[in-house]
C-alpha atoms as a PDB file:
ATOM      1  CA  MET A   1       0.000   0.000   0.000  1.00  0.00           C
ATOM      2  CA  VAL A   2       1.227   3.490  -0.868  1.00  0.00           C
ATOM      3  CA  ASN A   3       1.775   5.987   1.926  1.00  0.00           C
ATOM      4  CA  ASP A   4      -0.030   9.089   0.622  1.00  0.00           C
ATOM      5  CA  VAL A   5       1.467  11.244   3.357  1.00  0.00           C
ATOM      6  CA  GLU A   6       4.721  11.434   1.389  1.00  0.00           C
ATOM      7  CA  LYS A   7       2.966  13.034  -1.588  1.00  0.00           C
ATOM      8  CA  ARG A   8       5.717  12.412  -4.106  1.00  0.00           C
ATOM      9  CA  TRP A   9       3.499  13.261  -7.035  1.00  0.00           C
ATOM     10  CA  ASN A  10       6.138  14.722  -9.319  1.00  0.00           C
ATOM     11  CA  ASP A  11       6.279  12.650 -12.492  1.00  0.00           C
ATOM     12  CA  PRO A  12       7.062  14.674 -15.651  1.00  0.00           C
ATOM     13  CA  PRO A  13       6.337  11.843 -18.154  1.00  0.00           C
ATOM     14  CA  THR A  14       2.909  11.227 -16.616  1.00  0.00           C
ATOM     15  CA  PHE A  15       2.168  14.945 -16.563  1.00  0.00           C
ATOM     16  CA  ARG A  16       3.229  15.230 -20.206  1.00  0.00           C
ATOM     17  CA  ALA A  17       0.981  12.315 -21.201  1.00  0.00           C
ATOM     18  CA  ALA A  18      -2.000  13.751 -19.323  1.00  0.00           C
ATOM     19  CA  ALA A  19      -1.438  17.225 -20.771  1.00  0.00           C
ATOM     20  CA  ILE A  20      -1.247  15.870 -24.323  1.00  0.00           C
ATOM     21  CA  TYR A  21      -4.419  13.846 -23.692  1.00  0.00           C
ATOM     22  CA  VAL A  22      -6.283  16.932 -22.449  1.00  0.00           C
ATOM     23  CA  VAL A  23      -5.084  19.052 -25.377  1.00  0.00           C
ATOM     24  CA  VAL A  24      -6.172  16.407 -27.903  1.00  0.00           C
ATOM     25  CA  VAL A  25      -9.634  16.109 -26.332  1.00  0.00           C
ATOM     26  CA  VAL A  26     -10.083  19.894 -26.194  1.00  0.00           C
ATOM     27  CA  VAL A  27      -8.943  20.280 -29.821  1.00  0.00           C
ATOM     28  CA  MET A  28     -11.409  17.578 -30.899  1.00  0.00           C
ATOM     29  CA  ALA A  29     -14.191  19.388 -29.019  1.00  0.00           C
ATOM     30  CA  GLY A  30     -13.125  22.643 -30.658  1.00  0.00           C
ATOM     31  CA  LEU A  31     -13.312  21.046 -34.090  1.00  0.00           C
ATOM     32  CA  SER A  32     -16.765  19.746 -33.228  1.00  0.00           C
ATOM     33  CA  PHE A  33     -17.791  23.279 -32.250  1.00  0.00           C
ATOM     34  CA  PHE A  34     -16.385  24.594 -35.540  1.00  0.00           C
ATOM     35  CA  VAL A  35     -18.369  22.006 -37.512  1.00  0.00           C
ATOM     36  CA  PHE A  36     -21.492  22.956 -35.567  1.00  0.00           C
ATOM     37  CA  GLY A  37     -20.873  26.612 -36.402  1.00  0.00           C
ATOM     38  CA  MET A  38     -20.570  25.819 -40.099  1.00  0.00           C
ATOM     39  CA  THR A  39     -23.612  23.531 -40.353  1.00  0.00           C
ATOM     40  CA  ARG A  40     -25.904  24.983 -37.652  1.00  0.00           C
ATOM     41  CA  ALA A  41     -27.371  21.508 -37.145  1.00  0.00           C
ATOM     42  CA  PRO A  42     -28.839  21.189 -33.622  1.00  0.00           C
ATOM     43  CA  ILE A  43     -27.740  17.558 -33.343  1.00  0.00           C
ATOM     44  CA  GLY A  44     -24.178  18.622 -34.129  1.00  0.00           C
ATOM     45  CA  ALA A  45     -24.158  20.808 -31.027  1.00  0.00           C
ATOM     46  CA  LEU A  46     -24.155  17.706 -28.837  1.00  0.00           C
ATOM     47  CA  GLY A  47     -20.691  16.766 -30.067  1.00  0.00           C
ATOM     48  CA  VAL A  48     -18.839  19.233 -27.850  1.00  0.00           C
ATOM     49  CA  PRO A  49     -20.150  18.084 -24.442  1.00  0.00           C
ATOM     50  CA  VAL A  50     -20.182  14.428 -25.509  1.00  0.00           C
ATOM     51  CA  LEU A  51     -16.506  14.530 -26.512  1.00  0.00           C
ATOM     52  CA  LEU A  52     -15.518  16.319 -23.312  1.00  0.00           C
ATOM     53  CA  PHE A  53     -17.527  13.874 -21.183  1.00  0.00           C
ATOM     54  CA  ALA A  54     -15.970  10.881 -22.948  1.00  0.00           C
ATOM     55  CA  GLY A  55     -12.521  12.428 -22.485  1.00  0.00           C
ATOM     56  CA  GLY A  56     -13.186  12.969 -18.780  1.00  0.00           C
ATOM     57  CA  VAL A  57     -14.353   9.397 -18.298  1.00  0.00           C
ATOM     58  CA  GLY A  58     -11.288   8.176 -20.198  1.00  0.00           C
ATOM     59  CA  ALA A  59      -9.031  10.203 -17.908  1.00  0.00           C
ATOM     60  CA  PHE A  60     -10.743   8.726 -14.839  1.00  0.00           C
ATOM     61  CA  LEU A  61     -10.276   5.217 -16.226  1.00  0.00           C
ATOM     62  CA  LYS A  62      -6.592   5.993 -16.724  1.00  0.00           C
ATOM     63  CA  THR A  63      -6.535   7.328 -13.138  1.00  0.00           C
ATOM     64  CA  TYR A  64      -7.812   3.988 -11.890  1.00  0.00           C
ATOM     65  CA  CYS A  65      -5.269   2.029 -13.940  1.00  0.00           C
ATOM     66  CA  VAL A  66      -2.379   4.184 -12.714  1.00  0.00           C
ATOM     67  CA  TRP A  67      -3.641   3.918  -9.122  1.00  0.00           C
ATOM     68  CA  ARG A  68      -3.793   0.117  -9.395  1.00  0.00           C
ATOM     69  CA  ALA A  69      -0.198   0.142 -10.652  1.00  0.00           C
ATOM     70  CA  GLU A  70       0.733   2.334  -7.647  1.00  0.00           C
ATOM     71  CA  GLY A  71       1.732   5.191  -9.912  1.00  0.00           C
ATOM     72  CA  VAL A  72       1.210   8.939  -9.726  1.00  0.00           C
ATOM     73  CA  TRP A  73      -2.563   8.979 -10.173  1.00  0.00           C
ATOM     74  CA  PRO A  74      -3.487  12.558  -9.057  1.00  0.00           C
ATOM     75  CA  ILE A  75      -2.227  13.967 -12.360  1.00  0.00           C
ATOM     76  CA  TRP A  76      -4.787  11.957 -14.325  1.00  0.00           C
ATOM     77  CA  HIS A  77      -7.418  12.687 -11.693  1.00  0.00           C
ATOM     78  CA  GLY A  78      -6.915  16.407 -12.253  1.00  0.00           C
ATOM     79  CA  ALA A  79      -7.127  15.939 -16.016  1.00  0.00           C
ATOM     80  CA  GLY A  80     -10.453  14.143 -15.605  1.00  0.00           C
ATOM     81  CA  TRP A  81     -11.920  16.869 -13.415  1.00  0.00           C
ATOM     82  CA  PHE A  82     -10.692  19.567 -15.800  1.00  0.00           C
ATOM     83  CA  LEU A  83     -12.407  17.891 -18.753  1.00  0.00           C
ATOM     84  CA  LEU A  84     -15.639  17.328 -16.831  1.00  0.00           C
ATOM     85  CA  THR A  85     -15.657  20.986 -15.769  1.00  0.00           C
ATOM     86  CA  LEU A  86     -15.238  22.039 -19.399  1.00  0.00           C
ATOM     87  CA  MET A  87     -18.075  19.666 -20.284  1.00  0.00           C
ATOM     88  CA  LEU A  88     -20.383  21.446 -17.823  1.00  0.00           C
ATOM     89  CA  VAL A  89     -19.460  24.816 -19.327  1.00  0.00           C
ATOM     90  CA  SER A  90     -19.975  23.487 -22.857  1.00  0.00           C
ATOM     91  CA  LEU A  91     -23.519  22.332 -22.090  1.00  0.00           C
ATOM     92  CA  SER A  92     -24.573  25.825 -23.119  1.00  0.00           C
ATOM     93  CA  VAL A  93     -23.755  24.973 -26.753  1.00  0.00           C
ATOM     94  CA  PRO A  94     -26.697  22.547 -27.269  1.00  0.00           C
ATOM     95  CA  VAL A  95     -28.977  24.872 -25.295  1.00  0.00           C
ATOM     96  CA  LEU A  96     -27.992  27.712 -27.616  1.00  0.00           C
ATOM     97  CA  ALA A  97     -28.618  25.525 -30.665  1.00  0.00           C
ATOM     98  CA  LEU A  98     -32.071  24.482 -29.470  1.00  0.00           C
ATOM     99  CA  SER A  99     -33.103  28.031 -28.621  1.00  0.00           C
ATOM    100  CA  ARG A 100     -32.754  29.165 -32.238  1.00  0.00           C
END
């Protein structure tokens, strides 16, 4: 069992992997928003929050895998919460599409 009191959570390769993952998910959501802006299809507006939610769940699954391997899991945990927070903010996109 890991002693969390030590808090040795400095792991540059894990941070780099999580940061790249977050950037890729956010860029994909941005492209989805761009496509929605070009087509104005209400169903296309769901792509942004769906991609961010799926990215957040994927980050939490990676958190669990890293935790099971006794690695530095808080980095992935933070990535998951960041993506889920962006998903909550992006829920305004489908609401905006349906209000038109």
